[in-house]
Amino acid sequence: MTNAQKSMIAEMRRQGCSYAKIAQSLSISENTIKTFCRRNRLAKDRAANTPVCKQCGCSIEVKDKRKPRQFCSDKCRAAWWYANHKSPSKTEYSLICANCGQPFVSIGSKGRKYCSHRCYINARFGEEHGCNE
């Protein structure tokens, strides 16, 4: 690896480029780039990767060796979850309870048989049709 390539790697790494992108642009093995960067303590620029709050969009302070936070405060976290409490990835299924015969909605699972724990207990151990839910 030449000195020109080393300086180019250092510059690209400071700009926030990934190991793969640097390796592809310089036609050098990705593992060689990783080793060079680790030995010379070349990390991505933190300013380029500053996370922002999901609710208000303000920047969040990053602490070393910790999972990056998604919200700047508990107030923003609570507001975001209140607005997005229903997960769009889970499907709602309209089913009929095997014990009381009433329709109910099951989120994410079409294998449910009972509308409640009480109906399950009544169906399994007796007191048929004793569900009030």
C-alpha atoms as a PDB file:
ATOM      1  CA  MET A   1       0.000   0.000   0.000  1.00  0.00           C
ATOM      2  CA  THR A   2       1.464   3.353  -1.037  1.00  0.00           C
ATOM      3  CA  ASN A   3       1.547   6.537   1.037  1.00  0.00           C
ATOM      4  CA  ALA A   4      -0.923   8.144  -1.377  1.00  0.00           C
ATOM      5  CA  GLN A   5      -3.372   5.274  -0.802  1.00  0.00           C
ATOM      6  CA  LYS A   6      -2.908   5.546   2.967  1.00  0.00           C
ATOM      7  CA  SER A   7      -3.695   9.252   2.948  1.00  0.00           C
ATOM      8  CA  MET A   8      -6.698   8.621   0.678  1.00  0.00           C
ATOM      9  CA  ILE A   9      -7.995   5.935   3.078  1.00  0.00           C
ATOM     10  CA  ALA A  10      -7.596   8.308   6.032  1.00  0.00           C
ATOM     11  CA  GLU A  11      -9.443  11.103   4.213  1.00  0.00           C
ATOM     12  CA  MET A  12     -12.300   8.871   3.042  1.00  0.00           C
ATOM     13  CA  ARG A  13     -12.687   7.381   6.513  1.00  0.00           C
ATOM     14  CA  ARG A  14     -12.921  10.857   8.075  1.00  0.00           C
ATOM     15  CA  GLN A  15     -15.675  11.679   5.584  1.00  0.00           C
ATOM     16  CA  GLY A  16     -17.676   8.698   6.868  1.00  0.00           C
ATOM     17  CA  CYS A  17     -17.077   6.192   4.070  1.00  0.00           C
ATOM     18  CA  SER A  18     -17.463   2.502   4.869  1.00  0.00           C
ATOM     19  CA  TYR A  19     -14.680  -0.064   4.559  1.00  0.00           C
ATOM     20  CA  ALA A  20     -16.408  -1.618   1.542  1.00  0.00           C
ATOM     21  CA  LYS A  21     -16.738   1.704  -0.284  1.00  0.00           C
ATOM     22  CA  ILE A  22     -13.071   2.587   0.327  1.00  0.00           C
ATOM     23  CA  ALA A  23     -11.938  -0.885  -0.768  1.00  0.00           C
ATOM     24  CA  GLN A  24     -13.994  -0.692  -3.950  1.00  0.00           C
ATOM     25  CA  SER A  25     -12.755   2.777  -4.930  1.00  0.00           C
ATOM     26  CA  LEU A  26      -9.062   1.959  -4.318  1.00  0.00           C
ATOM     27  CA  SER A  27      -9.186  -1.675  -5.542  1.00  0.00           C
ATOM     28  CA  ILE A  28      -7.748  -2.976  -2.270  1.00  0.00           C
ATOM     29  CA  SER A  29      -9.055  -5.832  -0.127  1.00  0.00           C
ATOM     30  CA  GLU A  30     -11.686  -4.783   2.415  1.00  0.00           C
ATOM     31  CA  ASN A  31      -9.810  -6.644   5.164  1.00  0.00           C
ATOM     32  CA  THR A  32      -6.651  -4.658   4.367  1.00  0.00           C
ATOM     33  CA  ILE A  33      -8.622  -1.428   4.738  1.00  0.00           C
ATOM     34  CA  LYS A  34     -10.125  -2.596   8.048  1.00  0.00           C
ATOM     35  CA  THR A  35      -6.728  -3.558   9.436  1.00  0.00           C
ATOM     36  CA  PHE A  36      -5.135  -0.263   8.373  1.00  0.00           C
ATOM     37  CA  CYS A  37      -7.972   1.787   9.901  1.00  0.00           C
ATOM     38  CA  ARG A  38      -7.928  -0.114  13.184  1.00  0.00           C
ATOM     39  CA  ARG A  39      -4.152   0.093  13.547  1.00  0.00           C
ATOM     40  CA  ASN A  40      -4.200   3.834  12.873  1.00  0.00           C
ATOM     41  CA  ARG A  41      -7.381   4.447  14.883  1.00  0.00           C
ATOM     42  CA  LEU A  42      -9.284   5.904  11.950  1.00  0.00           C
ATOM     43  CA  ALA A  43     -12.981   6.026  12.766  1.00  0.00           C
ATOM     44  CA  LYS A  44     -15.913   7.480  10.873  1.00  0.00           C
ATOM     45  CA  ASP A  45     -16.673  11.109  11.566  1.00  0.00           C
ATOM     46  CA  ARG A  46     -19.254  11.160  14.363  1.00  0.00           C
ATOM     47  CA  ALA A  47     -20.830  14.377  13.096  1.00  0.00           C
ATOM     48  CA  ALA A  48     -21.895  12.569   9.924  1.00  0.00           C
ATOM     49  CA  ASN A  49     -23.620   9.810  11.931  1.00  0.00           C
ATOM     50  CA  THR A  50     -25.350  11.878  14.611  1.00  0.00           C
ATOM     51  CA  PRO A  51     -28.743  10.286  15.329  1.00  0.00           C
ATOM     52  CA  VAL A  52     -31.872  12.425  15.466  1.00  0.00           C
ATOM     53  CA  CYS A  53     -34.991  12.083  17.623  1.00  0.00           C
ATOM     54  CA  LYS A  54     -37.848  10.172  15.919  1.00  0.00           C
ATOM     55  CA  GLN A  55     -40.412  12.602  17.343  1.00  0.00           C
ATOM     56  CA  CYS A  56     -38.975  16.138  17.171  1.00  0.00           C
ATOM     57  CA  GLY A  57     -35.934  15.696  14.894  1.00  0.00           C
ATOM     58  CA  CYS A  58     -33.354  17.279  17.216  1.00  0.00           C
ATOM     59  CA  SER A  59     -29.879  15.725  17.427  1.00  0.00           C
ATOM     60  CA  ILE A  60     -29.150  13.213  20.186  1.00  0.00           C
ATOM     61  CA  GLU A  61     -25.916  12.978  22.162  1.00  0.00           C
ATOM     62  CA  VAL A  62     -24.029   9.751  21.437  1.00  0.00           C
ATOM     63  CA  LYS A  63     -22.322   7.948  24.317  1.00  0.00           C
ATOM     64  CA  ASP A  64     -19.451   5.569  23.593  1.00  0.00           C
ATOM     65  CA  LYS A  65     -20.081   1.819  23.731  1.00  0.00           C
ATOM     66  CA  ARG A  66     -23.821   2.184  24.214  1.00  0.00           C
ATOM     67  CA  LYS A  67     -26.814   1.488  22.050  1.00  0.00           C
ATOM     68  CA  PRO A  68     -27.798   4.666  20.169  1.00  0.00           C
ATOM     69  CA  ARG A  69     -30.898   6.340  21.563  1.00  0.00           C
ATOM     70  CA  GLN A  70     -33.949   6.895  19.377  1.00  0.00           C
ATOM     71  CA  PHE A  71     -35.540   9.737  21.354  1.00  0.00           C
ATOM     72  CA  CYS A  72     -34.117  12.858  22.996  1.00  0.00           C
ATOM     73  CA  SER A  73     -36.379  12.656  26.070  1.00  0.00           C
ATOM     74  CA  ASP A  74     -39.054  10.590  27.789  1.00  0.00           C
ATOM     75  CA  LYS A  75     -41.630  13.163  26.678  1.00  0.00           C
ATOM     76  CA  CYS A  76     -40.765  12.624  22.984  1.00  0.00           C
ATOM     77  CA  ARG A  77     -40.662   8.833  23.448  1.00  0.00           C
ATOM     78  CA  ALA A  78     -44.125   8.785  25.050  1.00  0.00           C
ATOM     79  CA  ALA A  79     -45.566  11.113  22.383  1.00  0.00           C
ATOM     80  CA  TRP A  80     -44.159   9.007  19.531  1.00  0.00           C
ATOM     81  CA  TRP A  81     -45.428   5.704  20.967  1.00  0.00           C
ATOM     82  CA  TYR A  82     -48.848   7.250  21.679  1.00  0.00           C
ATOM     83  CA  ALA A  83     -49.106   8.280  18.019  1.00  0.00           C
ATOM     84  CA  ASN A  84     -47.657   4.996  16.674  1.00  0.00           C
ATOM     85  CA  HIS A  85     -48.922   2.406  19.157  1.00  0.00           C
ATOM     86  CA  LYS A  86     -50.472   0.173  16.499  1.00  0.00           C
ATOM     87  CA  SER A  87     -47.874  -1.764  14.609  1.00  0.00           C
ATOM     88  CA  PRO A  88     -48.693  -1.788  10.883  1.00  0.00           C
ATOM     89  CA  SER A  89     -46.706  -4.993  10.400  1.00  0.00           C
ATOM     90  CA  LYS A  90     -49.183  -7.142  12.349  1.00  0.00           C
ATOM     91  CA  THR A  91     -52.375  -8.275  10.653  1.00  0.00           C
ATOM     92  CA  GLU A  92     -55.737  -8.201  12.395  1.00  0.00           C
ATOM     93  CA  TYR A  93     -57.894 -11.328  12.115  1.00  0.00           C
ATOM     94  CA  SER A  94     -61.647 -11.435  12.820  1.00  0.00           C
ATOM     95  CA  LEU A  95     -62.394 -14.733  14.570  1.00  0.00           C
ATOM     96  CA  ILE A  96     -65.229 -16.355  16.524  1.00  0.00           C
ATOM     97  CA  CYS A  97     -64.696 -17.605  20.081  1.00  0.00           C
ATOM     98  CA  ALA A  98     -64.920 -21.410  20.372  1.00  0.00           C
ATOM     99  CA  ASN A  99     -66.562 -21.108  23.805  1.00  0.00           C
ATOM    100  CA  CYS A 100     -69.047 -18.232  23.745  1.00  0.00           C
ATOM    101  CA  GLY A 101     -69.455 -17.798  19.979  1.00  0.00           C
ATOM    102  CA  GLN A 102     -68.831 -14.040  20.030  1.00  0.00           C
ATOM    103  CA  PRO A 103     -66.637 -12.416  17.367  1.00  0.00           C
ATOM    104  CA  PHE A 104     -63.265 -10.992  18.470  1.00  0.00           C
ATOM    105  CA  VAL A 105     -60.171  -9.515  16.827  1.00  0.00           C
ATOM    106  CA  SER A 106     -56.805 -11.265  17.078  1.00  0.00           C
ATOM    107  CA  ILE A 107     -53.710  -9.217  16.222  1.00  0.00           C
ATOM    108  CA  GLY A 108     -50.872 -11.132  14.573  1.00  0.00           C
ATOM    109  CA  SER A 109     -52.171 -14.664  15.184  1.00  0.00           C
ATOM    110  CA  LYS A 110     -54.965 -16.441  13.337  1.00  0.00           C
ATOM    111  CA  GLY A 111     -54.559 -19.566  15.476  1.00  0.00           C
ATOM    112  CA  ARG A 112     -56.367 -18.167  18.524  1.00  0.00           C
ATOM    113  CA  LYS A 113     -59.535 -20.005  19.569  1.00  0.00           C
ATOM    114  CA  TYR A 114     -60.835 -17.996  22.511  1.00  0.00           C
ATOM    115  CA  CYS A 115     -61.635 -14.323  23.030  1.00  0.00           C
ATOM    116  CA  SER A 116     -60.199 -14.286  26.558  1.00  0.00           C
ATOM    117  CA  HIS A 117     -58.429 -16.345  29.180  1.00  0.00           C
ATOM    118  CA  ARG A 118     -61.743 -16.727  31.015  1.00  0.00           C
ATOM    119  CA  CYS A 119     -63.339 -18.365  27.946  1.00  0.00           C
ATOM    120  CA  TYR A 120     -60.373 -20.716  27.616  1.00  0.00           C
ATOM    121  CA  ILE A 121     -60.690 -21.799  31.279  1.00  0.00           C
ATOM    122  CA  ASN A 122     -64.466 -22.218  30.970  1.00  0.00           C
ATOM    123  CA  ALA A 123     -64.117 -24.348  27.832  1.00  0.00           C
ATOM    124  CA  ARG A 124     -61.409 -26.522  29.317  1.00  0.00           C
ATOM    125  CA  PHE A 125     -62.687 -27.017  32.863  1.00  0.00           C
ATOM    126  CA  GLY A 126     -66.449 -26.498  32.633  1.00  0.00           C
ATOM    127  CA  GLU A 127     -68.975 -23.707  33.154  1.00  0.00           C
ATOM    128  CA  GLU A 128     -69.832 -23.673  29.469  1.00  0.00           C
ATOM    129  CA  HIS A 129     -70.953 -20.329  27.985  1.00  0.00           C
ATOM    130  CA  GLY A 130     -70.128 -18.488  31.209  1.00  0.00           C
ATOM    131  CA  CYS A 131     -68.123 -15.778  29.450  1.00  0.00           C
ATOM    132  CA  ASN A 132     -69.088 -12.178  30.058  1.00  0.00           C
ATOM    133  CA  GLU A 133     -66.534 -10.719  27.635  1.00  0.00           C
END
